[in-house]
Amino acid sequence: MHILHDSALKNVPNPCGFCLSPGSLCSVRLKKGQGRKAGTQIDLRNSRCQHNNQVRLSLKTFSKSTNASPCTNIPIMCPLCPTASDAVWKYNLESHLRTVHPTAKISEYQAHFEISKFEFVALKNAFNSKPRWTAKRIRNLTNINISEAHSSCVALRCVPPTDFEV
């Protein structure tokens, strides 16, 4: 939802779908899953995320927009890049095609990056309704009372020496 609707990301080139960092800082590799019915999976060993936010995703499940999970931004292979290339996040594919493959006819690949109206509206609603951690809200956290049992001071206290024989 941030890639589509957050104005702070409008000028970020190809943001990572995991951490929203610029695309050049992160890379996602895909691999064939194991087993007869296994599909494509994220290759966690050969992928990297600037903020280590990469997680195992069911690409098949997340490729379909539902009421509970409207976002279909998954890493996909660019149809014009070599097979061994990094994957491109679906929401970044159109930009990728325009910059990396400027002579490509974008309309031929629209089905790969097209977002349904339902998905767009559902993510817009989620973005507008989700509470944000603003700087003001974080500053107000100083008024939270923390019990002594949960305070880091407990771990830093020195234990008074006891009488013992040498």
Foldseek 3Di string as FASTA:
>chain_A
DCCQDPPVLPPQAQADPQPGHRPVQWFWAWDFDDDDPTGIWTPVVPTDDPVPRDDTDDLVVLCPADLVRRHNFDFDCQPPDDNRGTTGTLCNNLVCCCPVVVVDDSVVCCVSNPHDPVSSVSVVVCVVPDDDDDPVNVVVCVPDDDDPVPDCVVVVDDDDDDDDDD
